[in-house]
C-alpha atoms as a PDB file:
ATOM      1  CA  MET A   1      16.773   1.063  -5.675  1.00  0.00           C
ATOM      2  CA  ALA A   2      14.971  -0.275  -2.562  1.00  0.00           C
ATOM      3  CA  MET A   3      12.119   1.689  -0.862  1.00  0.00           C
ATOM      4  CA  PRO A   4      11.856   1.417   3.026  1.00  0.00           C
ATOM      5  CA  ALA A   5       8.536   0.111   4.461  1.00  0.00           C
ATOM      6  CA  VAL A   6       8.023   3.285   6.477  1.00  0.00           C
ATOM      7  CA  GLU A   7       8.165   5.162   3.187  1.00  0.00           C
ATOM      8  CA  ILE A   8       5.340   2.958   1.899  1.00  0.00           C
ATOM      9  CA  GLU A   9       3.198   3.328   4.939  1.00  0.00           C
ATOM     10  CA  ARG A  10       3.829   7.314   4.921  1.00  0.00           C
ATOM     11  CA  MET A  11       2.673   7.574   1.343  1.00  0.00           C
ATOM     12  CA  ILE A  12      -0.148   5.508   1.836  1.00  0.00           C
ATOM     13  CA  LYS A  13      -1.332   7.241   5.018  1.00  0.00           C
ATOM     14  CA  ASP A  14      -0.700  10.477   3.336  1.00  0.00           C
ATOM     15  CA  ALA A  15      -3.288   9.790   0.756  1.00  0.00           C
ATOM     16  CA  LEU A  16      -5.546   7.731   3.175  1.00  0.00           C
ATOM     17  CA  PRO A  17      -5.270   9.464   6.604  1.00  0.00           C
ATOM     18  CA  ASP A  18      -7.361   7.026   8.234  1.00  0.00           C
ATOM     19  CA  ALA A  19      -5.668   3.923   6.954  1.00  0.00           C
ATOM     20  CA  GLN A  20      -4.277   1.201   9.270  1.00  0.00           C
ATOM     21  CA  VAL A  21      -1.254  -0.057   7.325  1.00  0.00           C
ATOM     22  CA  THR A  22       0.699  -3.070   7.961  1.00  0.00           C
ATOM     23  CA  ILE A  23       3.757  -3.812   6.048  1.00  0.00           C
ATOM     24  CA  ASN A  24       5.802  -7.063   5.793  1.00  0.00           C
ATOM     25  CA  ASP A  25       9.184  -7.301   3.895  1.00  0.00           C
ATOM     26  CA  LEU A  26       8.656 -10.674   2.038  1.00  0.00           C
ATOM     27  CA  ALA A  27      12.423 -10.898   0.956  1.00  0.00           C
ATOM     28  CA  GLY A  28      14.467  -8.925   3.314  1.00  0.00           C
ATOM     29  CA  ASP A  29      15.561  -7.222   0.291  1.00  0.00           C
ATOM     30  CA  GLY A  30      13.293  -3.853   0.573  1.00  0.00           C
ATOM     31  CA  ASP A  31      12.004  -4.669  -2.808  1.00  0.00           C
ATOM     32  CA  HIS A  32       9.267  -7.261  -2.070  1.00  0.00           C
ATOM     33  CA  TYR A  33       6.603  -6.284   0.257  1.00  0.00           C
ATOM     34  CA  ALA A  34       3.289  -7.446   1.364  1.00  0.00           C
ATOM     35  CA  ALA A  35       0.747  -4.840   2.317  1.00  0.00           C
ATOM     36  CA  HIS A  36      -2.544  -4.872   4.196  1.00  0.00           C
ATOM     37  CA  VAL A  37      -4.579  -1.374   4.094  1.00  0.00           C
ATOM     38  CA  VAL A  38      -7.596  -0.881   5.821  1.00  0.00           C
ATOM     39  CA  SER A  39      -9.587   2.249   5.138  1.00  0.00           C
ATOM     40  CA  LYS A  40     -13.234   3.589   5.495  1.00  0.00           C
ATOM     41  CA  GLU A  41     -12.420   5.501   2.014  1.00  0.00           C
ATOM     42  CA  PHE A  42     -12.665   1.823   0.488  1.00  0.00           C
ATOM     43  CA  GLU A  43     -16.286   1.636   1.462  1.00  0.00           C
ATOM     44  CA  GLY A  44     -18.463   0.834  -1.895  1.00  0.00           C
ATOM     45  CA  LYS A  45     -15.283   0.492  -3.944  1.00  0.00           C
ATOM     46  CA  SER A  46     -14.403  -2.726  -5.985  1.00  0.00           C
ATOM     47  CA  ARG A  47     -11.233  -4.402  -4.774  1.00  0.00           C
ATOM     48  CA  VAL A  48      -9.772  -3.181  -8.087  1.00  0.00           C
ATOM     49  CA  GLN A  49     -10.933   0.589  -7.198  1.00  0.00           C
ATOM     50  CA  GLN A  50      -9.200   0.119  -3.723  1.00  0.00           C
ATOM     51  CA  HIS A  51      -6.037  -1.138  -5.074  1.00  0.00           C
ATOM     52  CA  GLN A  52      -5.809   1.522  -7.638  1.00  0.00           C
ATOM     53  CA  MET A  53      -6.347   3.863  -4.742  1.00  0.00           C
ATOM     54  CA  VAL A  54      -3.147   2.478  -3.133  1.00  0.00           C
ATOM     55  CA  TYR A  55      -1.193   2.540  -6.211  1.00  0.00           C
ATOM     56  CA  GLN A  56      -2.197   6.376  -6.927  1.00  0.00           C
ATOM     57  CA  ALA A  57      -0.771   6.954  -3.170  1.00  0.00           C
ATOM     58  CA  LEU A  58       2.560   5.427  -4.378  1.00  0.00           C
ATOM     59  CA  GLN A  59       3.014   8.189  -6.877  1.00  0.00           C
ATOM     60  CA  GLY A  60       4.384   5.934  -9.770  1.00  0.00           C
ATOM     61  CA  ARG A  61       6.928   4.245  -7.603  1.00  0.00           C
ATOM     62  CA  MET A  62       5.498   0.750  -8.001  1.00  0.00           C
ATOM     63  CA  GLY A  63       7.663  -0.736 -10.901  1.00  0.00           C
ATOM     64  CA  ASN A  64      10.456   1.478 -10.002  1.00  0.00           C
ATOM     65  CA  GLU A  65      11.912   1.809  -6.465  1.00  0.00           C
ATOM     66  CA  LEU A  66       9.242  -0.634  -5.195  1.00  0.00           C
ATOM     67  CA  HIS A  67       9.375  -3.775  -7.147  1.00  0.00           C
ATOM     68  CA  ALA A  68       6.777  -5.987  -5.826  1.00  0.00           C
ATOM     69  CA  LEU A  69       3.787  -5.597  -3.152  1.00  0.00           C
ATOM     70  CA  ALA A  70       1.385  -8.030  -2.632  1.00  0.00           C
ATOM     71  CA  LEU A  71      -1.645  -5.965  -1.542  1.00  0.00           C
ATOM     72  CA  GLN A  72      -4.882  -6.830   0.552  1.00  0.00           C
ATOM     73  CA  THR A  73      -7.471  -4.089   1.262  1.00  0.00           C
ATOM     74  CA  SER A  74     -10.497  -4.019   3.416  1.00  0.00           C
ATOM     75  CA  VAL A  75     -13.039  -1.630   4.945  1.00  0.00           C
ATOM     76  CA  PRO A  76     -12.921  -1.406   8.897  1.00  0.00           C
ATOM     77  CA  GLU A  77     -15.219  -3.738  10.621  1.00  0.00           C
END
């Protein structure tokens, strides 16, 4: 089952309210996305910790409704 990009964005913003989220559907199938998430909450955290924060925001949907997510995270400049 596919997951709409707007749902991914909503879930990330619910967990990280200041986040700037850009989502691209890589294959046009609703299963393969690239996301860039910018949040001050990432400050002082390793890249792995940042990614874990985003995966936690998706509440276990990675690997289920959401098949693949190429993820980039950063802090605001």
